[in-house]
């Protein structure tokens, strides 16, 4: 049975009017550009919220001077636009509606998001409890950070642990590795964890097979033409573990001549 709702709350050091403006106008700056954070990660170049009731929330694939020529996925239509107080939208990709409230507190603003399944609805992508955690990170560093989106590098490392959450906390506390997202709390199950060193990502996954010593790590490489790369790997005799598939990002997995696991994914146009 689909859950009926999901909610989360964060606090930011800004007054409600400023927090609302940063949330809506700077979504492309605070949105974390990880592989699973877009519906089509390989093509996404921008996130955008159009102001006012009826405005669209967009995952943009091509930016043009004439908006009619843009290529974008509409994620939702705004139904509530009360600067400094409330923002609401009806999803265009599932059967939910979302409301974000901006409430003044001593430290600045409490931002509460609630995503609800519509009556009679069946499909719900409850993303906001995770996404809203990115917002305070940007607010806290925006005065000194470049006003350009942070983009990950083309090379990532994946490590497999029996308890990825515990590993993330240990790596954060002991080695000082940080995350553009957040470190999962004790007892929290997180199927996808990203840590960052500069703009390079370290991906932490659950180790499911202790009997495969070479499957405890993998190298992730983002390439310009995934289909051509897959064809070359196949032609040259690489062992294909999984063919090209997509879940937010397009990728395939292969093993090299000694059994090391490699993941090749389609690079976004914004990757250098």
C-alpha atoms as a PDB file:
ATOM      1  CA  UNK A   1       0.000   0.000   0.000  1.00  0.00           C
ATOM      2  CA  UNK A   2       1.335   3.439  -0.929  1.00  0.00           C
ATOM      3  CA  UNK A   3       2.101   5.708   2.031  1.00  0.00           C
ATOM      4  CA  UNK A   4      -0.314   8.633   2.278  1.00  0.00           C
ATOM      5  CA  UNK A   5       2.219  11.376   3.036  1.00  0.00           C
ATOM      6  CA  UNK A   6       5.809  12.262   3.875  1.00  0.00           C
ATOM      7  CA  UNK A   7       7.152  15.324   5.654  1.00  0.00           C
ATOM      8  CA  UNK A   8      10.391  16.845   6.908  1.00  0.00           C
ATOM      9  CA  UNK A   9      11.597  20.034   8.572  1.00  0.00           C
ATOM     10  CA  UNK A  10      14.847  22.013   8.467  1.00  0.00           C
ATOM     11  CA  UNK A  11      15.928  25.390   9.810  1.00  0.00           C
ATOM     12  CA  UNK A  12      17.963  28.032   7.989  1.00  0.00           C
ATOM     13  CA  UNK A  13      19.646  31.223   9.180  1.00  0.00           C
ATOM     14  CA  UNK A  14      17.581  33.618   7.069  1.00  0.00           C
ATOM     15  CA  UNK A  15      14.286  35.429   7.511  1.00  0.00           C
ATOM     16  CA  UNK A  16      11.232  33.821   5.839  1.00  0.00           C
ATOM     17  CA  UNK A  17      11.134  36.234   2.892  1.00  0.00           C
ATOM     18  CA  UNK A  18      14.810  35.614   2.132  1.00  0.00           C
ATOM     19  CA  UNK A  19      14.489  31.863   2.657  1.00  0.00           C
ATOM     20  CA  UNK A  20      11.534  31.743   0.245  1.00  0.00           C
ATOM     21  CA  UNK A  21      13.465  33.713  -2.369  1.00  0.00           C
ATOM     22  CA  UNK A  22      16.559  31.521  -2.055  1.00  0.00           C
ATOM     23  CA  UNK A  23      14.448  28.369  -2.207  1.00  0.00           C
ATOM     24  CA  UNK A  24      12.637  29.381  -5.386  1.00  0.00           C
ATOM     25  CA  UNK A  25      15.140  31.547  -7.276  1.00  0.00           C
ATOM     26  CA  UNK A  26      18.273  29.560  -6.432  1.00  0.00           C
ATOM     27  CA  UNK A  27      17.001  25.990  -6.663  1.00  0.00           C
ATOM     28  CA  UNK A  28      19.595  25.263  -9.351  1.00  0.00           C
ATOM     29  CA  UNK A  29      22.319  26.241  -6.878  1.00  0.00           C
ATOM     30  CA  UNK A  30      21.143  24.213  -3.893  1.00  0.00           C
ATOM     31  CA  UNK A  31      19.956  21.148  -5.836  1.00  0.00           C
ATOM     32  CA  UNK A  32      22.564  18.377  -5.445  1.00  0.00           C
ATOM     33  CA  UNK A  33      23.608  17.093  -8.871  1.00  0.00           C
ATOM     34  CA  UNK A  34      23.970  13.430  -7.967  1.00  0.00           C
ATOM     35  CA  UNK A  35      23.226  10.593 -10.414  1.00  0.00           C
ATOM     36  CA  UNK A  36      19.860   9.709  -8.848  1.00  0.00           C
ATOM     37  CA  UNK A  37      18.610  13.263  -8.267  1.00  0.00           C
ATOM     38  CA  UNK A  38      17.066  13.797 -11.706  1.00  0.00           C
ATOM     39  CA  UNK A  39      14.507  11.905 -13.764  1.00  0.00           C
ATOM     40  CA  UNK A  40      16.983  11.996 -16.664  1.00  0.00           C
ATOM     41  CA  UNK A  41      20.381  12.644 -15.114  1.00  0.00           C
ATOM     42  CA  UNK A  42      22.299  12.309 -18.381  1.00  0.00           C
ATOM     43  CA  UNK A  43      20.469  15.255 -19.981  1.00  0.00           C
ATOM     44  CA  UNK A  44      19.717  17.577 -17.057  1.00  0.00           C
ATOM     45  CA  UNK A  45      21.409  20.978 -17.186  1.00  0.00           C
ATOM     46  CA  UNK A  46      19.252  23.050 -14.835  1.00  0.00           C
ATOM     47  CA  UNK A  47      16.495  23.057 -12.204  1.00  0.00           C
ATOM     48  CA  UNK A  48      14.032  25.951 -12.284  1.00  0.00           C
ATOM     49  CA  UNK A  49      10.924  27.256 -10.520  1.00  0.00           C
ATOM     50  CA  UNK A  50       8.780  29.722 -12.462  1.00  0.00           C
ATOM     51  CA  UNK A  51       7.257  32.291 -10.069  1.00  0.00           C
ATOM     52  CA  UNK A  52       3.560  32.675  -9.365  1.00  0.00           C
ATOM     53  CA  UNK A  53       0.497  30.463  -9.370  1.00  0.00           C
ATOM     54  CA  UNK A  54       0.504  28.427 -12.575  1.00  0.00           C
ATOM     55  CA  UNK A  55       4.296  28.552 -12.805  1.00  0.00           C
ATOM     56  CA  UNK A  56       6.122  25.340 -13.598  1.00  0.00           C
ATOM     57  CA  UNK A  57       8.791  23.416 -11.739  1.00  0.00           C
ATOM     58  CA  UNK A  58      11.173  22.200 -14.421  1.00  0.00           C
ATOM     59  CA  UNK A  59      14.012  19.766 -14.952  1.00  0.00           C
ATOM     60  CA  UNK A  60      15.623  21.489 -17.937  1.00  0.00           C
ATOM     61  CA  UNK A  61      17.478  19.617 -20.681  1.00  0.00           C
ATOM     62  CA  UNK A  62      18.144  22.443 -23.137  1.00  0.00           C
ATOM     63  CA  UNK A  63      18.179  26.200 -22.449  1.00  0.00           C
ATOM     64  CA  UNK A  64      17.295  28.589 -25.285  1.00  0.00           C
ATOM     65  CA  UNK A  65      16.687  32.325 -25.584  1.00  0.00           C
ATOM     66  CA  UNK A  66      13.134  31.536 -26.677  1.00  0.00           C
ATOM     67  CA  UNK A  67      11.410  29.522 -23.904  1.00  0.00           C
ATOM     68  CA  UNK A  68       9.226  27.794 -26.488  1.00  0.00           C
ATOM     69  CA  UNK A  69      12.331  26.083 -27.839  1.00  0.00           C
ATOM     70  CA  UNK A  70      13.452  24.675 -24.514  1.00  0.00           C
ATOM     71  CA  UNK A  71      13.474  20.976 -23.761  1.00  0.00           C
ATOM     72  CA  UNK A  72      12.350  20.274 -20.199  1.00  0.00           C
ATOM     73  CA  UNK A  73      10.383  17.892 -18.027  1.00  0.00           C
ATOM     74  CA  UNK A  74       7.578  19.553 -16.092  1.00  0.00           C
ATOM     75  CA  UNK A  75       7.726  18.252 -12.534  1.00  0.00           C
ATOM     76  CA  UNK A  76       4.784  20.267 -11.243  1.00  0.00           C
ATOM     77  CA  UNK A  77       2.508  23.328 -11.446  1.00  0.00           C
ATOM     78  CA  UNK A  78       2.419  25.894  -8.670  1.00  0.00           C
ATOM     79  CA  UNK A  79      -0.897  26.163  -6.831  1.00  0.00           C
ATOM     80  CA  UNK A  80       0.185  28.314  -3.849  1.00  0.00           C
ATOM     81  CA  UNK A  81       2.551  31.287  -4.126  1.00  0.00           C
ATOM     82  CA  UNK A  82       2.787  33.321  -0.918  1.00  0.00           C
ATOM     83  CA  UNK A  83       6.331  34.776  -0.725  1.00  0.00           C
ATOM     84  CA  UNK A  84       7.789  34.397   2.744  1.00  0.00           C
ATOM     85  CA  UNK A  85       4.993  32.077   3.870  1.00  0.00           C
ATOM     86  CA  UNK A  86       3.910  29.185   1.629  1.00  0.00           C
ATOM     87  CA  UNK A  87       4.693  27.452  -1.644  1.00  0.00           C
ATOM     88  CA  UNK A  88       2.577  24.641  -3.035  1.00  0.00           C
ATOM     89  CA  UNK A  89       2.416  22.645  -6.242  1.00  0.00           C
ATOM     90  CA  UNK A  90       0.602  19.764  -7.885  1.00  0.00           C
ATOM     91  CA  UNK A  91       2.991  17.165  -9.247  1.00  0.00           C
ATOM     92  CA  UNK A  92       3.032  16.424 -12.979  1.00  0.00           C
ATOM     93  CA  UNK A  93       5.011  13.186 -12.573  1.00  0.00           C
ATOM     94  CA  UNK A  94       3.040  11.404  -9.851  1.00  0.00           C
ATOM     95  CA  UNK A  95      -0.205  11.637  -7.878  1.00  0.00           C
ATOM     96  CA  UNK A  96       0.937  13.970  -5.104  1.00  0.00           C
ATOM     97  CA  UNK A  97       0.693  17.560  -4.000  1.00  0.00           C
ATOM     98  CA  UNK A  98       3.394  19.310  -1.985  1.00  0.00           C
ATOM     99  CA  UNK A  99       3.281  22.281   0.362  1.00  0.00           C
ATOM    100  CA  UNK A 100       6.343  24.055   1.778  1.00  0.00           C
ATOM    101  CA  UNK A 101       5.804  26.374   4.758  1.00  0.00           C
ATOM    102  CA  UNK A 102       8.252  29.092   5.861  1.00  0.00           C
ATOM    103  CA  UNK A 103       7.814  29.897   9.559  1.00  0.00           C
ATOM    104  CA  UNK A 104       9.835  32.512  11.501  1.00  0.00           C
ATOM    105  CA  UNK A 105      11.861  31.175  14.447  1.00  0.00           C
ATOM    106  CA  UNK A 106      14.580  32.674  16.638  1.00  0.00           C
ATOM    107  CA  UNK A 107      17.353  31.205  14.464  1.00  0.00           C
ATOM    108  CA  UNK A 108      15.762  32.370  11.207  1.00  0.00           C
ATOM    109  CA  UNK A 109      13.200  30.226   9.408  1.00  0.00           C
ATOM    110  CA  UNK A 110      11.757  26.784   9.920  1.00  0.00           C
ATOM    111  CA  UNK A 111      11.043  25.217   6.530  1.00  0.00           C
ATOM    112  CA  UNK A 112       8.523  22.377   6.629  1.00  0.00           C
ATOM    113  CA  UNK A 113       7.647  20.326   3.579  1.00  0.00           C
ATOM    114  CA  UNK A 114       4.692  17.945   3.343  1.00  0.00           C
ATOM    115  CA  UNK A 115       4.088  15.790   0.302  1.00  0.00           C
ATOM    116  CA  UNK A 116       0.661  14.107   0.182  1.00  0.00           C
ATOM    117  CA  UNK A 117      -0.909  11.443  -2.003  1.00  0.00           C
ATOM    118  CA  UNK A 118      -4.012  12.832  -3.690  1.00  0.00           C
ATOM    119  CA  UNK A 119      -7.367  11.099  -3.080  1.00  0.00           C
ATOM    120  CA  UNK A 120      -7.594   8.142  -5.432  1.00  0.00           C
ATOM    121  CA  UNK A 121      -3.917   8.476  -6.351  1.00  0.00           C
ATOM    122  CA  UNK A 122      -1.591   5.486  -6.627  1.00  0.00           C
ATOM    123  CA  UNK A 123       1.859   6.755  -7.624  1.00  0.00           C
ATOM    124  CA  UNK A 124       4.009   8.771  -5.216  1.00  0.00           C
ATOM    125  CA  UNK A 125       7.697   9.662  -5.397  1.00  0.00           C
ATOM    126  CA  UNK A 126       8.332  10.843  -1.849  1.00  0.00           C
ATOM    127  CA  UNK A 127      11.570  12.690  -2.581  1.00  0.00           C
ATOM    128  CA  UNK A 128      11.202  15.760  -0.374  1.00  0.00           C
ATOM    129  CA  UNK A 129      12.262  14.313   3.004  1.00  0.00           C
ATOM    130  CA  UNK A 130      15.665  13.745   1.414  1.00  0.00           C
ATOM    131  CA  UNK A 131      15.804  16.780  -0.884  1.00  0.00           C
ATOM    132  CA  UNK A 132      14.947  19.404   1.739  1.00  0.00           C
ATOM    133  CA  UNK A 133      18.134  18.506   3.600  1.00  0.00           C
ATOM    134  CA  UNK A 134      20.177  20.057   0.781  1.00  0.00           C
ATOM    135  CA  UNK A 135      18.675  23.497   1.318  1.00  0.00           C
ATOM    136  CA  UNK A 136      20.358  24.485   4.643  1.00  0.00           C
ATOM    137  CA  UNK A 137      23.747  23.494   3.242  1.00  0.00           C
ATOM    138  CA  UNK A 138      23.439  26.073   0.464  1.00  0.00           C
ATOM    139  CA  UNK A 139      21.998  28.807   2.698  1.00  0.00           C
ATOM    140  CA  UNK A 140      24.900  28.425   5.128  1.00  0.00           C
ATOM    141  CA  UNK A 141      27.604  28.776   2.467  1.00  0.00           C
ATOM    142  CA  UNK A 142      26.015  30.944  -0.233  1.00  0.00           C
ATOM    143  CA  UNK A 143      27.667  34.204   0.916  1.00  0.00           C
ATOM    144  CA  UNK A 144      31.133  32.798   0.192  1.00  0.00           C
ATOM    145  CA  UNK A 145      30.377  30.164  -2.470  1.00  0.00           C
ATOM    146  CA  UNK A 146      30.486  30.689  -6.256  1.00  0.00           C
ATOM    147  CA  UNK A 147      27.066  31.414  -7.733  1.00  0.00           C
ATOM    148  CA  UNK A 148      27.328  28.431 -10.072  1.00  0.00           C
ATOM    149  CA  UNK A 149      25.981  24.904  -9.525  1.00  0.00           C
ATOM    150  CA  UNK A 150      28.393  22.352  -8.084  1.00  0.00           C
ATOM    151  CA  UNK A 151      28.948  19.549 -10.583  1.00  0.00           C
ATOM    152  CA  UNK A 152      30.572  16.227  -9.750  1.00  0.00           C
ATOM    153  CA  UNK A 153      33.659  14.995 -11.573  1.00  0.00           C
ATOM    154  CA  UNK A 154      33.567  12.347 -14.296  1.00  0.00           C
ATOM    155  CA  UNK A 155      35.287   9.759 -12.086  1.00  0.00           C
ATOM    156  CA  UNK A 156      33.667   8.329  -8.950  1.00  0.00           C
ATOM    157  CA  UNK A 157      34.554   5.454  -6.634  1.00  0.00           C
ATOM    158  CA  UNK A 158      31.958   3.045  -5.239  1.00  0.00           C
ATOM    159  CA  UNK A 159      32.705   1.175  -1.999  1.00  0.00           C
ATOM    160  CA  UNK A 160      30.605  -1.684  -0.630  1.00  0.00           C
ATOM    161  CA  UNK A 161      30.106  -2.142   3.121  1.00  0.00           C
ATOM    162  CA  UNK A 162      28.015  -4.446   5.283  1.00  0.00           C
ATOM    163  CA  UNK A 163      26.603  -1.288   6.915  1.00  0.00           C
ATOM    164  CA  UNK A 164      26.984   1.699   4.536  1.00  0.00           C
ATOM    165  CA  UNK A 165      25.400   4.115   7.022  1.00  0.00           C
ATOM    166  CA  UNK A 166      27.847   3.205   9.771  1.00  0.00           C
ATOM    167  CA  UNK A 167      30.681   3.440   7.238  1.00  0.00           C
ATOM    168  CA  UNK A 168      29.548   6.923   6.180  1.00  0.00           C
ATOM    169  CA  UNK A 169      29.467   8.138   9.785  1.00  0.00           C
ATOM    170  CA  UNK A 170      32.897   6.624  10.461  1.00  0.00           C
ATOM    171  CA  UNK A 171      34.440   8.114   7.309  1.00  0.00           C
ATOM    172  CA  UNK A 172      32.904  11.494   8.179  1.00  0.00           C
ATOM    173  CA  UNK A 173      34.040  11.490  11.816  1.00  0.00           C
ATOM    174  CA  UNK A 174      37.421   9.815  11.370  1.00  0.00           C
ATOM    175  CA  UNK A 175      38.638  10.945   7.947  1.00  0.00           C
ATOM    176  CA  UNK A 176      36.643  14.167   7.696  1.00  0.00           C
ATOM    177  CA  UNK A 177      34.827  13.179   4.497  1.00  0.00           C
ATOM    178  CA  UNK A 178      31.755  15.341   3.963  1.00  0.00           C
ATOM    179  CA  UNK A 179      28.621  15.098   1.852  1.00  0.00           C
ATOM    180  CA  UNK A 180      26.756  17.518  -0.408  1.00  0.00           C
ATOM    181  CA  UNK A 181      23.692  15.610   0.726  1.00  0.00           C
ATOM    182  CA  UNK A 182      23.754  14.472   4.352  1.00  0.00           C
ATOM    183  CA  UNK A 183      25.234  11.747   6.545  1.00  0.00           C
ATOM    184  CA  UNK A 184      22.527   9.223   7.549  1.00  0.00           C
ATOM    185  CA  UNK A 185      21.722   9.046  11.251  1.00  0.00           C
ATOM    186  CA  UNK A 186      22.282   5.894  13.281  1.00  0.00           C
ATOM    187  CA  UNK A 187      19.516   3.389  12.594  1.00  0.00           C
ATOM    188  CA  UNK A 188      18.534   5.068   9.322  1.00  0.00           C
ATOM    189  CA  UNK A 189      18.600   2.925   6.185  1.00  0.00           C
ATOM    190  CA  UNK A 190      19.866   4.880   3.195  1.00  0.00           C
ATOM    191  CA  UNK A 191      20.017   2.900  -0.078  1.00  0.00           C
ATOM    192  CA  UNK A 192      22.208   5.559  -1.690  1.00  0.00           C
ATOM    193  CA  UNK A 193      24.965   7.482   0.107  1.00  0.00           C
ATOM    194  CA  UNK A 194      27.351   9.956  -1.507  1.00  0.00           C
ATOM    195  CA  UNK A 195      30.415  11.483   0.105  1.00  0.00           C
ATOM    196  CA  UNK A 196      32.540  14.106  -1.611  1.00  0.00           C
ATOM    197  CA  UNK A 197      36.236  14.879  -1.784  1.00  0.00           C
ATOM    198  CA  UNK A 198      36.376  18.150  -3.667  1.00  0.00           C
ATOM    199  CA  UNK A 199      34.118  17.468  -6.655  1.00  0.00           C
ATOM    200  CA  UNK A 200      34.827  13.726  -6.707  1.00  0.00           C
ATOM    201  CA  UNK A 201      32.143  11.418  -5.325  1.00  0.00           C
ATOM    202  CA  UNK A 202      32.573   8.318  -3.184  1.00  0.00           C
ATOM    203  CA  UNK A 203      29.437   6.163  -3.387  1.00  0.00           C
ATOM    204  CA  UNK A 204      28.648   3.783  -0.535  1.00  0.00           C
ATOM    205  CA  UNK A 205      26.497   0.698  -1.159  1.00  0.00           C
ATOM    206  CA  UNK A 206      25.515  -2.383   0.812  1.00  0.00           C
ATOM    207  CA  UNK A 207      27.766  -5.425   0.378  1.00  0.00           C
ATOM    208  CA  UNK A 208      25.467  -8.326  -0.445  1.00  0.00           C
ATOM    209  CA  UNK A 209      27.995 -11.059  -1.277  1.00  0.00           C
ATOM    210  CA  UNK A 210      30.959 -11.505   1.079  1.00  0.00           C
ATOM    211  CA  UNK A 211      32.250 -14.390  -1.038  1.00  0.00           C
ATOM    212  CA  UNK A 212      33.204 -12.101  -3.936  1.00  0.00           C
ATOM    213  CA  UNK A 213      36.375 -10.305  -2.786  1.00  0.00           C
ATOM    214  CA  UNK A 214      36.667  -8.172  -5.908  1.00  0.00           C
ATOM    215  CA  UNK A 215      33.074  -6.907  -5.636  1.00  0.00           C
ATOM    216  CA  UNK A 216      33.699  -4.719  -2.587  1.00  0.00           C
ATOM    217  CA  UNK A 217      34.506  -1.672  -4.716  1.00  0.00           C
ATOM    218  CA  UNK A 218      33.830  -0.291  -8.185  1.00  0.00           C
ATOM    219  CA  UNK A 219      35.025   2.582 -10.320  1.00  0.00           C
ATOM    220  CA  UNK A 220      32.392   4.881 -11.847  1.00  0.00           C
ATOM    221  CA  UNK A 221      33.245   6.703 -15.067  1.00  0.00           C
ATOM    222  CA  UNK A 222      30.983   9.199 -16.865  1.00  0.00           C
ATOM    223  CA  UNK A 223      31.377   9.103 -20.666  1.00  0.00           C
ATOM    224  CA  UNK A 224      30.085  11.341 -23.459  1.00  0.00           C
ATOM    225  CA  UNK A 225      28.452   8.587 -25.552  1.00  0.00           C
ATOM    226  CA  UNK A 226      27.332   5.649 -23.427  1.00  0.00           C
ATOM    227  CA  UNK A 227      25.965   3.617 -26.343  1.00  0.00           C
ATOM    228  CA  UNK A 228      29.220   3.872 -28.298  1.00  0.00           C
ATOM    229  CA  UNK A 229      31.196   3.021 -25.169  1.00  0.00           C
ATOM    230  CA  UNK A 230      29.025  -0.031 -24.500  1.00  0.00           C
ATOM    231  CA  UNK A 231      29.467  -1.202 -28.098  1.00  0.00           C
ATOM    232  CA  UNK A 232      33.238  -0.861 -27.837  1.00  0.00           C
ATOM    233  CA  UNK A 233      33.407  -2.717 -24.506  1.00  0.00           C
ATOM    234  CA  UNK A 234      31.280  -5.529 -25.898  1.00  0.00           C
ATOM    235  CA  UNK A 235      33.331  -5.773 -29.088  1.00  0.00           C
ATOM    236  CA  UNK A 236      36.587  -5.886 -27.133  1.00  0.00           C
ATOM    237  CA  UNK A 237      35.372  -8.767 -24.992  1.00  0.00           C
ATOM    238  CA  UNK A 238      34.620  -7.121 -21.650  1.00  0.00           C
ATOM    239  CA  UNK A 239      32.363  -9.192 -19.414  1.00  0.00           C
ATOM    240  CA  UNK A 240      29.069  -7.284 -19.324  1.00  0.00           C
ATOM    241  CA  UNK A 241      27.498  -7.616 -15.878  1.00  0.00           C
ATOM    242  CA  UNK A 242      24.410  -5.586 -16.778  1.00  0.00           C
ATOM    243  CA  UNK A 243      23.475  -3.972 -20.069  1.00  0.00           C
ATOM    244  CA  UNK A 244      22.501  -0.308 -20.450  1.00  0.00           C
ATOM    245  CA  UNK A 245      19.578   0.531 -18.197  1.00  0.00           C
ATOM    246  CA  UNK A 246      18.144   3.681 -16.677  1.00  0.00           C
ATOM    247  CA  UNK A 247      16.880   4.699 -13.263  1.00  0.00           C
ATOM    248  CA  UNK A 248      17.383   8.445 -13.256  1.00  0.00           C
ATOM    249  CA  UNK A 249      20.787   7.916 -14.853  1.00  0.00           C
ATOM    250  CA  UNK A 250      21.790   5.622 -17.757  1.00  0.00           C
ATOM    251  CA  UNK A 251      24.609   3.184 -17.082  1.00  0.00           C
ATOM    252  CA  UNK A 252      25.948  -0.315 -17.556  1.00  0.00           C
ATOM    253  CA  UNK A 253      28.298  -2.484 -15.518  1.00  0.00           C
ATOM    254  CA  UNK A 254      31.244  -4.534 -16.725  1.00  0.00           C
ATOM    255  CA  UNK A 255      34.192  -6.474 -15.327  1.00  0.00           C
ATOM    256  CA  UNK A 256      37.762  -6.103 -16.489  1.00  0.00           C
ATOM    257  CA  UNK A 257      40.227  -8.899 -17.226  1.00  0.00           C
ATOM    258  CA  UNK A 258      40.813  -9.622 -13.507  1.00  0.00           C
ATOM    259  CA  UNK A 259      37.226  -9.240 -12.357  1.00  0.00           C
ATOM    260  CA  UNK A 260      37.258  -5.654 -11.108  1.00  0.00           C
ATOM    261  CA  UNK A 261      33.812  -4.056 -11.410  1.00  0.00           C
ATOM    262  CA  UNK A 262      33.352  -0.881 -13.506  1.00  0.00           C
ATOM    263  CA  UNK A 263      30.217   1.231 -13.908  1.00  0.00           C
ATOM    264  CA  UNK A 264      29.984   3.472 -16.969  1.00  0.00           C
ATOM    265  CA  UNK A 265      27.306   6.180 -16.967  1.00  0.00           C
ATOM    266  CA  UNK A 266      26.159   8.831 -19.427  1.00  0.00           C
ATOM    267  CA  UNK A 267      27.740  12.209 -18.613  1.00  0.00           C
ATOM    268  CA  UNK A 268      25.546  15.287 -18.295  1.00  0.00           C
ATOM    269  CA  UNK A 269      26.223  18.161 -20.713  1.00  0.00           C
ATOM    270  CA  UNK A 270      27.369  20.266 -17.738  1.00  0.00           C
ATOM    271  CA  UNK A 271      30.177  17.852 -16.843  1.00  0.00           C
ATOM    272  CA  UNK A 272      33.596  19.045 -17.988  1.00  0.00           C
END
